[in-house]
Every structure is written in structure tokens, then in C-alpha cells.
C-alpha atoms as a PDB file:
ATOM      1  CA  MET A   1      -1.346 -14.481  20.991  1.00  0.00           C
ATOM      2  CA  LYS A   2      -0.524 -12.719  17.727  1.00  0.00           C
ATOM      3  CA  THR A   3      -1.607  -9.139  17.087  1.00  0.00           C
ATOM      4  CA  VAL A   4      -4.429  -8.841  14.581  1.00  0.00           C
ATOM      5  CA  PHE A   5      -5.742  -5.319  15.005  1.00  0.00           C
ATOM      6  CA  GLU A   6      -2.431  -3.475  15.068  1.00  0.00           C
ATOM      7  CA  GLN A   7      -1.786   0.240  15.103  1.00  0.00           C
ATOM      8  CA  ILE A   8      -1.551   1.510  11.541  1.00  0.00           C
ATOM      9  CA  THR A   9      -0.869   5.198  11.043  1.00  0.00           C
ATOM     10  CA  PRO A  10      -2.078   6.631   7.725  1.00  0.00           C
ATOM     11  CA  GLY A  11       0.670   7.708   5.339  1.00  0.00           C
ATOM     12  CA  ILE A  12       1.110  11.236   4.114  1.00  0.00           C
ATOM     13  CA  GLU A  13      -0.909  10.424   0.988  1.00  0.00           C
ATOM     14  CA  SER A  14      -4.069   9.541   2.931  1.00  0.00           C
ATOM     15  CA  SER A  15      -5.888  10.847   6.017  1.00  0.00           C
ATOM     16  CA  ILE A  16      -7.543   7.469   6.751  1.00  0.00           C
ATOM     17  CA  SER A  17      -6.445   3.842   6.529  1.00  0.00           C
ATOM     18  CA  LEU A  18      -8.719   1.074   5.256  1.00  0.00           C
ATOM     19  CA  ILE A  19      -7.553  -2.417   6.254  1.00  0.00           C
ATOM     20  CA  ASP A  20      -9.124  -5.533   4.745  1.00  0.00           C
ATOM     21  CA  LEU A  21      -8.574  -8.481   7.111  1.00  0.00           C
ATOM     22  CA  ASP A  22      -8.932 -12.106   6.002  1.00  0.00           C
ATOM     23  CA  MET A  23      -7.560 -14.769   8.349  1.00  0.00           C
ATOM     24  CA  PRO A  24      -8.427 -18.091  10.026  1.00  0.00           C
ATOM     25  CA  CYS A  25      -9.657 -16.392  13.215  1.00  0.00           C
ATOM     26  CA  PHE A  26      -9.519 -13.207  15.239  1.00  0.00           C
ATOM     27  CA  ASP A  27      -7.323 -13.825  18.275  1.00  0.00           C
ATOM     28  CA  GLY A  28      -5.533 -10.526  18.761  1.00  0.00           C
ATOM     29  CA  PRO A  29      -4.742  -9.235  22.261  1.00  0.00           C
ATOM     30  CA  TYR A  30      -6.650  -6.532  24.101  1.00  0.00           C
ATOM     31  CA  HIS A  31      -4.946  -3.353  22.904  1.00  0.00           C
ATOM     32  CA  PHE A  32      -5.342   0.353  22.204  1.00  0.00           C
ATOM     33  CA  HIS A  33      -3.932   2.971  19.859  1.00  0.00           C
ATOM     34  CA  PRO A  34      -4.332   6.707  19.215  1.00  0.00           C
ATOM     35  CA  GLU A  35      -6.294   6.101  16.015  1.00  0.00           C
ATOM     36  CA  MET A  36     -10.069   5.846  16.179  1.00  0.00           C
ATOM     37  CA  GLU A  37     -11.476   2.736  14.519  1.00  0.00           C
ATOM     38  CA  LEU A  38     -14.632   1.779  12.649  1.00  0.00           C
ATOM     39  CA  THR A  39     -14.782  -2.029  12.443  1.00  0.00           C
ATOM     40  CA  TRP A  40     -17.184  -4.052  10.308  1.00  0.00           C
ATOM     41  CA  ILE A  41     -17.025  -7.809  10.922  1.00  0.00           C
ATOM     42  CA  ARG A  42     -17.857  -9.436   7.598  1.00  0.00           C
ATOM     43  CA  LYS A  43     -17.411 -13.030   8.755  1.00  0.00           C
ATOM     44  CA  SER A  44     -16.765 -14.579  12.212  1.00  0.00           C
ATOM     45  CA  SER A  45     -18.546 -14.779  15.561  1.00  0.00           C
ATOM     46  CA  GLY A  46     -17.220 -14.711  19.087  1.00  0.00           C
ATOM     47  CA  LYS A  47     -16.551 -12.254  21.895  1.00  0.00           C
ATOM     48  CA  ARG A  48     -16.062  -8.518  21.553  1.00  0.00           C
ATOM     49  CA  PHE A  49     -14.128  -6.743  24.332  1.00  0.00           C
ATOM     50  CA  VAL A  50     -14.416  -2.946  24.571  1.00  0.00           C
ATOM     51  CA  GLY A  51     -13.307  -1.457  27.872  1.00  0.00           C
ATOM     52  CA  GLY A  52     -14.955  -3.524  30.588  1.00  0.00           C
ATOM     53  CA  ASN A  53     -17.738  -4.752  28.321  1.00  0.00           C
ATOM     54  CA  VAL A  54     -17.822  -8.319  27.009  1.00  0.00           C
ATOM     55  CA  SER A  55     -20.429  -9.005  24.306  1.00  0.00           C
ATOM     56  CA  ASP A  56     -21.174 -11.634  21.708  1.00  0.00           C
ATOM     57  CA  TYR A  57     -20.561 -10.551  18.138  1.00  0.00           C
ATOM     58  CA  GLU A  58     -21.889 -12.004  14.894  1.00  0.00           C
ATOM     59  CA  PRO A  59     -21.304 -11.272  11.202  1.00  0.00           C
ATOM     60  CA  ASP A  60     -22.102  -7.639  10.339  1.00  0.00           C
ATOM     61  CA  ASP A  61     -21.132  -6.395  13.795  1.00  0.00           C
ATOM     62  CA  LEU A  62     -20.382  -2.694  13.286  1.00  0.00           C
ATOM     63  CA  VAL A  63     -18.595  -0.703  15.990  1.00  0.00           C
ATOM     64  CA  LEU A  64     -16.918   2.700  16.340  1.00  0.00           C
ATOM     65  CA  VAL A  65     -14.143   2.763  18.952  1.00  0.00           C
ATOM     66  CA  GLY A  66     -12.605   6.011  20.163  1.00  0.00           C
ATOM     67  CA  SER A  67      -8.962   6.996  20.469  1.00  0.00           C
ATOM     68  CA  ASN A  68      -6.947   4.982  23.028  1.00  0.00           C
ATOM     69  CA  ILE A  69      -9.939   2.825  24.014  1.00  0.00           C
ATOM     70  CA  PRO A  70      -8.857  -0.784  24.755  1.00  0.00           C
ATOM     71  CA  HIS A  71     -10.567  -3.387  22.574  1.00  0.00           C
ATOM     72  CA  CYS A  72     -10.291  -6.708  20.765  1.00  0.00           C
ATOM     73  CA  TRP A  73     -12.385  -9.294  18.920  1.00  0.00           C
ATOM     74  CA  GLN A  74     -11.817 -12.991  19.596  1.00  0.00           C
ATOM     75  CA  SER A  75     -13.336 -15.698  17.402  1.00  0.00           C
ATOM     76  CA  ILE A  76     -15.349 -18.232  19.369  1.00  0.00           C
ATOM     77  CA  SER A  77     -13.986 -21.236  17.458  1.00  0.00           C
ATOM     78  CA  LYS A  78     -10.493 -21.431  16.039  1.00  0.00           C
ATOM     79  CA  ALA A  79     -11.231 -24.841  14.528  1.00  0.00           C
ATOM     80  CA  SER A  80     -14.050 -23.601  12.315  1.00  0.00           C
ATOM     81  CA  PRO A  81     -13.447 -23.823   8.578  1.00  0.00           C
ATOM     82  CA  GLU A  82     -15.096 -20.421   8.251  1.00  0.00           C
ATOM     83  CA  GLN A  83     -12.525 -17.658   8.032  1.00  0.00           C
ATOM     84  CA  ALA A  84     -12.605 -14.374   9.911  1.00  0.00           C
ATOM     85  CA  GLN A  85     -13.017 -11.328   7.704  1.00  0.00           C
ATOM     86  CA  ALA A  86     -13.364  -7.645   8.576  1.00  0.00           C
ATOM     87  CA  ILE A  87     -12.858  -4.189   7.150  1.00  0.00           C
ATOM     88  CA  VAL A  88     -11.311  -1.712   9.580  1.00  0.00           C
ATOM     89  CA  ILE A  89     -11.100   2.029   8.951  1.00  0.00           C
ATOM     90  CA  GLN A  90      -8.571   3.774  11.202  1.00  0.00           C
ATOM     91  CA  PHE A  91      -8.245   7.545  11.487  1.00  0.00           C
ATOM     92  CA  HIS A  92      -7.017  10.223  13.851  1.00  0.00           C
ATOM     93  CA  PRO A  93      -9.654  12.329  15.659  1.00  0.00           C
ATOM     94  CA  ASP A  94      -8.448  15.373  13.691  1.00  0.00           C
ATOM     95  CA  PHE A  95      -8.112  13.457  10.393  1.00  0.00           C
ATOM     96  CA  ALA A  96      -9.678  16.321   8.396  1.00  0.00           C
ATOM     97  CA  GLY A  97      -8.027  19.142  10.314  1.00  0.00           C
ATOM     98  CA  GLU A  98      -9.358  21.148  13.244  1.00  0.00           C
ATOM     99  CA  VAL A  99     -10.589  24.015  11.044  1.00  0.00           C
ATOM    100  CA  PHE A 100     -12.628  21.756   8.736  1.00  0.00           C
ATOM    101  CA  LEU A 101     -14.070  19.655  11.549  1.00  0.00           C
ATOM    102  CA  GLY A 102     -14.887  22.862  13.412  1.00  0.00           C
ATOM    103  CA  LEU A 103     -17.265  24.055  10.699  1.00  0.00           C
ATOM    104  CA  PRO A 104     -20.866  24.415  11.950  1.00  0.00           C
ATOM    105  CA  GLU A 105     -22.076  21.949   9.298  1.00  0.00           C
ATOM    106  CA  LEU A 106     -19.925  19.277  10.954  1.00  0.00           C
ATOM    107  CA  ASN A 107     -20.989  19.997  14.516  1.00  0.00           C
ATOM    108  CA  LYS A 108     -22.766  16.633  14.913  1.00  0.00           C
ATOM    109  CA  ILE A 109     -19.738  14.736  13.621  1.00  0.00           C
ATOM    110  CA  GLN A 110     -17.521  16.596  16.080  1.00  0.00           C
ATOM    111  CA  ASN A 111     -19.877  15.610  18.911  1.00  0.00           C
ATOM    112  CA  LEU A 112     -19.847  11.998  17.683  1.00  0.00           C
ATOM    113  CA  LEU A 113     -16.054  11.860  17.834  1.00  0.00           C
ATOM    114  CA  LYS A 114     -16.190  13.138  21.412  1.00  0.00           C
ATOM    115  CA  LYS A 115     -18.832  10.549  22.400  1.00  0.00           C
ATOM    116  CA  SER A 116     -16.883   7.668  20.857  1.00  0.00           C
ATOM    117  CA  HIS A 117     -14.940   7.206  24.113  1.00  0.00           C
ATOM    118  CA  THR A 118     -17.740   4.857  25.218  1.00  0.00           C
ATOM    119  CA  GLY A 119     -17.477   2.721  22.092  1.00  0.00           C
ATOM    120  CA  ILE A 120     -20.563   2.800  19.858  1.00  0.00           C
ATOM    121  CA  VAL A 121     -22.386  -0.121  18.260  1.00  0.00           C
ATOM    122  CA  ILE A 122     -24.453   0.681  15.124  1.00  0.00           C
ATOM    123  CA  LYS A 123     -27.627  -1.245  14.324  1.00  0.00           C
ATOM    124  CA  GLY A 124     -30.693  -1.430  12.058  1.00  0.00           C
ATOM    125  CA  ASP A 125     -31.084   0.352   8.750  1.00  0.00           C
ATOM    126  CA  THR A 126     -28.224   2.689   9.605  1.00  0.00           C
ATOM    127  CA  LYS A 127     -25.868  -0.285   9.790  1.00  0.00           C
ATOM    128  CA  SER A 128     -27.005  -1.589   6.401  1.00  0.00           C
ATOM    129  CA  GLU A 129     -26.504   1.816   4.802  1.00  0.00           C
ATOM    130  CA  ILE A 130     -23.051   2.236   6.340  1.00  0.00           C
ATOM    131  CA  ILE A 131     -21.930  -1.244   5.265  1.00  0.00           C
ATOM    132  CA  SER A 132     -22.864  -0.296   1.704  1.00  0.00           C
ATOM    133  CA  LYS A 133     -20.746   2.855   1.957  1.00  0.00           C
ATOM    134  CA  ILE A 134     -17.820   0.935   3.473  1.00  0.00           C
ATOM    135  CA  ASN A 135     -17.867  -1.297   0.398  1.00  0.00           C
ATOM    136  CA  GLN A 136     -17.824   1.854  -1.730  1.00  0.00           C
ATOM    137  CA  CYS A 137     -14.852   3.128   0.285  1.00  0.00           C
ATOM    138  CA  ALA A 138     -12.955  -0.091  -0.339  1.00  0.00           C
ATOM    139  CA  SER A 139     -13.087   0.373  -4.118  1.00  0.00           C
ATOM    140  CA  ALA A 140     -12.857   4.174  -4.293  1.00  0.00           C
ATOM    141  CA  ASP A 141      -9.864   6.399  -5.005  1.00  0.00           C
ATOM    142  CA  ARG A 142      -8.438   8.416  -2.094  1.00  0.00           C
ATOM    143  CA  PHE A 143     -10.579  11.518  -2.691  1.00  0.00           C
ATOM    144  CA  HIS A 144     -13.911   9.706  -2.998  1.00  0.00           C
ATOM    145  CA  ARG A 145     -12.998   7.381  -0.128  1.00  0.00           C
ATOM    146  CA  LEU A 146     -12.658  10.441   2.099  1.00  0.00           C
ATOM    147  CA  LEU A 147     -16.024  11.800   0.923  1.00  0.00           C
ATOM    148  CA  ARG A 148     -17.755   8.450   1.561  1.00  0.00           C
ATOM    149  CA  PHE A 149     -16.146   8.260   4.981  1.00  0.00           C
ATOM    150  CA  ILE A 150     -17.415  11.692   6.001  1.00  0.00           C
ATOM    151  CA  GLU A 151     -20.868  10.562   4.864  1.00  0.00           C
ATOM    152  CA  ILE A 152     -20.493   7.493   7.089  1.00  0.00           C
ATOM    153  CA  LEU A 153     -19.663   9.628  10.116  1.00  0.00           C
ATOM    154  CA  ASP A 154     -22.627  11.887   9.339  1.00  0.00           C
ATOM    155  CA  LEU A 155     -24.940   8.854   9.187  1.00  0.00           C
ATOM    156  CA  ILE A 156     -23.744   7.641  12.583  1.00  0.00           C
ATOM    157  CA  ALA A 157     -23.948  11.119  14.094  1.00  0.00           C
ATOM    158  CA  ASN A 158     -27.575  11.555  12.984  1.00  0.00           C
ATOM    159  CA  SER A 159     -28.778   8.027  13.684  1.00  0.00           C
ATOM    160  CA  LYS A 160     -31.003   6.904  16.544  1.00  0.00           C
ATOM    161  CA  GLU A 161     -29.899   3.296  15.929  1.00  0.00           C
ATOM    162  CA  THR A 162     -26.696   3.502  17.968  1.00  0.00           C
ATOM    163  CA  GLU A 163     -25.882   2.424  21.519  1.00  0.00           C
ATOM    164  CA  PRO A 164     -22.912   3.131  23.802  1.00  0.00           C
ATOM    165  CA  ILE A 165     -20.960  -0.010  24.626  1.00  0.00           C
ATOM    166  CA  ASP A 166     -19.394   0.913  27.977  1.00  0.00           C
ATOM    167  CA  GLN A 167     -20.331   4.160  29.723  1.00  0.00           C
ATOM    168  CA  GLN A 168     -17.525   3.615  32.232  1.00  0.00           C
ATOM    169  CA  LEU A 169     -14.989   4.272  29.477  1.00  0.00           C
ATOM    170  CA  SER A 170     -15.375   7.981  30.144  1.00  0.00           C
ATOM    171  CA  GLY A 171     -12.902   7.264  32.958  1.00  0.00           C
ATOM    172  CA  PHE A 172     -10.089   6.470  30.533  1.00  0.00           C
ATOM    173  CA  SER A 173      -7.751   9.216  29.418  1.00  0.00           C
ATOM    174  CA  ALA A 174      -4.769   9.289  27.110  1.00  0.00           C
ATOM    175  CA  SER A 175      -2.414  10.242  29.947  1.00  0.00           C
ATOM    176  CA  THR A 176      -3.113   6.980  31.784  1.00  0.00           C
ATOM    177  CA  VAL A 177      -4.238   4.521  29.128  1.00  0.00           C
ATOM    178  CA  GLU A 178      -1.119   4.918  26.978  1.00  0.00           C
ATOM    179  CA  THR A 179       1.032   2.574  29.026  1.00  0.00           C
ATOM    180  CA  LYS A 180       2.333  -0.880  28.194  1.00  0.00           C
ATOM    181  CA  ARG A 181       1.560  -1.880  31.764  1.00  0.00           C
ATOM    182  CA  PHE A 182      -2.160  -1.241  31.362  1.00  0.00           C
ATOM    183  CA  GLN A 183      -2.266  -3.243  28.130  1.00  0.00           C
ATOM    184  CA  LYS A 184      -0.467  -6.184  29.719  1.00  0.00           C
ATOM    185  CA  VAL A 185      -2.783  -6.210  32.737  1.00  0.00           C
ATOM    186  CA  PHE A 186      -6.009  -6.233  30.719  1.00  0.00           C
ATOM    187  CA  SER A 187      -4.652  -8.806  28.290  1.00  0.00           C
ATOM    188  CA  TYR A 188      -3.929 -11.011  31.297  1.00  0.00           C
ATOM    189  CA  LEU A 189      -7.410 -10.480  32.763  1.00  0.00           C
ATOM    190  CA  ILE A 190      -9.157 -11.325  29.482  1.00  0.00           C
ATOM    191  CA  GLU A 191      -7.165 -14.543  29.190  1.00  0.00           C
ATOM    192  CA  HIS A 192      -7.602 -15.584  32.826  1.00  0.00           C
ATOM    193  CA  TYR A 193     -10.856 -14.140  34.234  1.00  0.00           C
ATOM    194  CA  GLN A 194     -12.520 -17.562  33.913  1.00  0.00           C
ATOM    195  CA  GLN A 195      -9.848 -18.946  36.243  1.00  0.00           C
ATOM    196  CA  GLU A 196      -8.718 -17.905  39.717  1.00  0.00           C
ATOM    197  CA  VAL A 197      -7.214 -14.414  39.533  1.00  0.00           C
ATOM    198  CA  SER A 198      -5.112 -13.274  42.480  1.00  0.00           C
ATOM    199  CA  LEU A 199      -3.976  -9.754  43.231  1.00  0.00           C
ATOM    200  CA  LYS A 200      -0.424 -11.029  43.586  1.00  0.00           C
ATOM    201  CA  SER A 201      -0.383 -12.579  40.098  1.00  0.00           C
ATOM    202  CA  VAL A 202      -1.843  -9.514  38.389  1.00  0.00           C
ATOM    203  CA  ALA A 203       0.474  -7.151  40.272  1.00  0.00           C
ATOM    204  CA  ALA A 204       3.400  -9.277  39.064  1.00  0.00           C
ATOM    205  CA  VAL A 205       2.228  -8.827  35.444  1.00  0.00           C
ATOM    206  CA  ALA A 206       2.242  -5.062  36.047  1.00  0.00           C
ATOM    207  CA  ASN A 207       5.646  -5.289  37.776  1.00  0.00           C
ATOM    208  CA  LEU A 208       4.244  -3.469  40.806  1.00  0.00           C
ATOM    209  CA  THR A 209       3.726  -4.297  44.437  1.00  0.00           C
ATOM    210  CA  PRO A 210       0.108  -5.260  45.242  1.00  0.00           C
ATOM    211  CA  THR A 211      -0.451  -1.962  47.070  1.00  0.00           C
ATOM    212  CA  ALA A 212       0.978   0.153  44.232  1.00  0.00           C
ATOM    213  CA  PHE A 213      -0.951  -1.894  41.662  1.00  0.00           C
ATOM    214  CA  CYS A 214      -4.282  -1.288  43.435  1.00  0.00           C
ATOM    215  CA  ARG A 215      -3.712   2.469  43.328  1.00  0.00           C
ATOM    216  CA  HIS A 216      -2.604   2.390  39.680  1.00  0.00           C
ATOM    217  CA  PHE A 217      -5.466   0.163  38.547  1.00  0.00           C
ATOM    218  CA  LYS A 218      -8.185   2.188  40.256  1.00  0.00           C
ATOM    219  CA  SER A 219      -6.762   5.474  38.932  1.00  0.00           C
ATOM    220  CA  ILE A 220      -7.254   4.134  35.400  1.00  0.00           C
ATOM    221  CA  THR A 221     -10.499   2.161  35.648  1.00  0.00           C
ATOM    222  CA  ARG A 222     -12.188   3.822  38.655  1.00  0.00           C
ATOM    223  CA  LYS A 223     -12.851   0.271  39.840  1.00  0.00           C
ATOM    224  CA  THR A 224     -11.081  -2.311  41.957  1.00  0.00           C
ATOM    225  CA  LEU A 225      -9.553  -5.420  40.437  1.00  0.00           C
ATOM    226  CA  VAL A 226     -12.312  -7.543  42.002  1.00  0.00           C
ATOM    227  CA  GLU A 227     -15.013  -5.333  40.449  1.00  0.00           C
ATOM    228  CA  VAL A 228     -13.506  -5.574  36.957  1.00  0.00           C
ATOM    229  CA  VAL A 229     -13.000  -9.346  37.113  1.00  0.00           C
ATOM    230  CA  THR A 230     -16.549  -9.764  38.444  1.00  0.00           C
ATOM    231  CA  GLU A 231     -17.906  -7.671  35.531  1.00  0.00           C
ATOM    232  CA  PHE A 232     -16.130  -9.883  33.017  1.00  0.00           C
ATOM    233  CA  ARG A 233     -17.517 -12.996  34.698  1.00  0.00           C
ATOM    234  CA  ILE A 234     -21.090 -11.698  35.016  1.00  0.00           C
ATOM    235  CA  ASN A 235     -21.090 -10.512  31.383  1.00  0.00           C
ATOM    236  CA  GLN A 236     -19.960 -13.976  30.290  1.00  0.00           C
ATOM    237  CA  ALA A 237     -22.620 -15.602  32.474  1.00  0.00           C
ATOM    238  CA  CYS A 238     -25.312 -13.398  30.919  1.00  0.00           C
ATOM    239  CA  GLN A 239     -24.217 -14.429  27.440  1.00  0.00           C
ATOM    240  CA  LEU A 240     -24.356 -18.120  28.344  1.00  0.00           C
ATOM    241  CA  LEU A 241     -27.733 -17.830  30.075  1.00  0.00           C
ATOM    242  CA  ARG A 242     -29.196 -16.127  27.002  1.00  0.00           C
ATOM    243  CA  ASN A 243     -27.569 -18.202  24.308  1.00  0.00           C
ATOM    244  CA  SER A 244     -26.912 -21.686  25.686  1.00  0.00           C
ATOM    245  CA  GLU A 245     -28.738 -24.485  27.437  1.00  0.00           C
ATOM    246  CA  LYS A 246     -26.011 -25.031  30.016  1.00  0.00           C
ATOM    247  CA  SER A 247     -27.156 -25.447  33.607  1.00  0.00           C
ATOM    248  CA  VAL A 248     -26.684 -22.614  36.070  1.00  0.00           C
ATOM    249  CA  ASN A 249     -24.170 -24.771  37.948  1.00  0.00           C
ATOM    250  CA  ALA A 250     -22.108 -25.335  34.806  1.00  0.00           C
ATOM    251  CA  ILE A 251     -22.228 -21.632  33.909  1.00  0.00           C
ATOM    252  CA  CYS A 252     -21.129 -20.725  37.419  1.00  0.00           C
ATOM    253  CA  TYR A 253     -17.891 -22.688  37.095  1.00  0.00           C
ATOM    254  CA  ASP A 254     -17.351 -21.920  33.400  1.00  0.00           C
ATOM    255  CA  CYS A 255     -17.272 -18.216  34.269  1.00  0.00           C
ATOM    256  CA  GLY A 256     -14.735 -18.536  37.064  1.00  0.00           C
ATOM    257  CA  PHE A 257     -17.040 -18.557  40.093  1.00  0.00           C
ATOM    258  CA  GLY A 258     -15.950 -21.284  42.485  1.00  0.00           C
ATOM    259  CA  ASN A 259     -19.112 -21.259  44.589  1.00  0.00           C
ATOM    260  CA  ILE A 260     -22.711 -21.480  43.393  1.00  0.00           C
ATOM    261  CA  SER A 261     -24.104 -19.537  46.369  1.00  0.00           C
ATOM    262  CA  TYR A 262     -21.669 -16.686  45.769  1.00  0.00           C
ATOM    263  CA  PHE A 263     -22.461 -16.754  42.054  1.00  0.00           C
ATOM    264  CA  ASN A 264     -26.216 -16.487  42.669  1.00  0.00           C
ATOM    265  CA  LYS A 265     -25.761 -13.683  45.194  1.00  0.00           C
ATOM    266  CA  THR A 266     -23.349 -11.713  43.002  1.00  0.00           C
ATOM    267  CA  PHE A 267     -25.417 -12.195  39.853  1.00  0.00           C
ATOM    268  CA  LYS A 268     -28.551 -10.865  41.554  1.00  0.00           C
ATOM    269  CA  ALA A 269     -26.673  -7.909  43.020  1.00  0.00           C
ATOM    270  CA  VAL A 270     -25.435  -6.919  39.566  1.00  0.00           C
ATOM    271  CA  THR A 271     -28.471  -7.708  37.379  1.00  0.00           C
ATOM    272  CA  GLY A 272     -31.368  -7.546  39.833  1.00  0.00           C
ATOM    273  CA  HIS A 273     -32.360 -11.130  38.956  1.00  0.00           C
ATOM    274  CA  THR A 274     -31.309 -14.617  39.900  1.00  0.00           C
ATOM    275  CA  PRO A 275     -29.654 -16.544  37.039  1.00  0.00           C
ATOM    276  CA  LEU A 276     -32.859 -18.525  36.398  1.00  0.00           C
ATOM    277  CA  GLN A 277     -35.018 -15.389  36.452  1.00  0.00           C
ATOM    278  CA  TYR A 278     -32.608 -13.751  34.001  1.00  0.00           C
ATOM    279  CA  ARG A 279     -32.729 -16.742  31.653  1.00  0.00           C
ATOM    280  CA  ASN A 280     -36.537 -16.772  31.739  1.00  0.00           C
ATOM    281  CA  LEU A 281     -36.586 -13.174  30.494  1.00  0.00           C
ATOM    282  CA  PHE A 282     -35.274 -14.430  27.149  1.00  0.00           C
ATOM    283  CA  ILE A 283     -37.536 -17.455  26.755  1.00  0.00           C
ATOM    284  CA  ASP A 284     -40.384 -16.876  24.306  1.00  0.00           C
END
């Protein structure tokens, strides 16, 4: 899979980078980088991966991802004639300098940057206002782009129309996430969680023994391999139950569960509902 959202460090002439993406589809690998990232999906739909969370995304998806938080967007259909378009703003957490960001007037923005480790999705009127300012950023000179961007952060920091994407991401830290091994493992899981995933195969990707891999993986994610794979599968099942007419049996196997009884039991343990009860919650 080719890299789409790659690490781009701002040059000395600019404290932020604005990247305008226009391509057939988003199919980049699960990855991370020290830059924080505000991503506005202009065109495309599919799956958004942030930490252990798997969610559907549609046009105008707007997300703030913190430093070194693993993420990727994957278009649902690579055969669609519709192209994938996005504007991505990348910046370091101290993009404006510690002294400036430490001013009392910017206290809420500083708190926002700290909270971004969960990933933040922006909705409602706030999203519409920010999209307008992103368009202004795209056409502005460097000075006014910076001003508009600080306004964007202030809007997010003061909005009640935001939601954390994955609370478990507080377990990630730069000292452990910044490894090629971790990136390879999660890329493998995202590509294969709908199939049979064995400890031996994943440990081989990490170039570790199974015992050493289990220790390494849990130190990073605070979860076992089985728990993470199950989360991916249950999240996918929830999406299909809400947004498709597939039978529960079909969803069970589509999501990598090889046994319908185990699927029903696991789904209820995680969500508090059977698959049919869950689906009925979203029927008008």
C-alpha cells in the first residue's frame, strides 16, 4: 500500500504545512508522525482508523489527531469514479513557540493540544465554520494563514461540538509509539483483522518471539492482541449493523468471526446488546 498521509515537516519559512490532496482513493497505511494533524475530507467515504477506533467517514469529516497518534483513512471503494480529496494541516505541538502558547489568552488552546491525544472529531456548526476558515487558509499568505489557523484552534477549544475518538489513546507515549515495529504490527492488523490472526504471524511481523511480542504489545496498547483484534471486529460489525442490510450471519463472517455463537456472545459482552437488538436501536 502506498503512503498517502506522509510526514511533512514545515520548512523554516512556515510554522505549519497545508497539504491539498487529490487522488483516486485514500489507501495509505496506518502510520504516525510527530506533527499534529487537522484533516478535512472534502471528497471520499470509507473507514477512518485512529488508535483502536474504526469509524465510517463521509465527505466533510473533520478530525484533529495529536502528535504520534496512529491513524489512516481508507476509501471504501477504489473503483469509484469519484476522487478522494482532503486538506491536511500539519504542525508541531509548539508551532508558535512555548512562550506564545503559554500566554493566558491561549490557555484553552494549550489544553486542546494536550487533549488531542485521544483524537478529536468536530461536528455541527463548529465544523462548518472551521471548514470556511480552512478554505481561507488555503488561499492566504503565510502570515494570515497562521492567524486563521490560530482562530481555528480557538474555535475547536471553545466548542461543545467535539467528541474524543479513542479514550484509550492516552496509553500511547512518544517513547513507545515511535518505533517501526509498532507501525508494522498495526498496519498488519488493519489489513488482516477480518481474517484469522494468529499470535505467531503477528509476532513474526514484529520480528519478536510470541512471548516477547505479548509484553511489547501490551506495554504500548495496554491491551492484549486478542482484545485489540476483537475491538476492530466489533467496531466493523457495528458499522455494518447500522448501515447495511446484511444478515447477522453474514456480518459475523465478514468481520472475521468464525463462529456465530461466539460472535453473539462477544458482541453482547462489548456492547450490552445482541446484534439484532443493536440493529433495532437504529431503525426508525
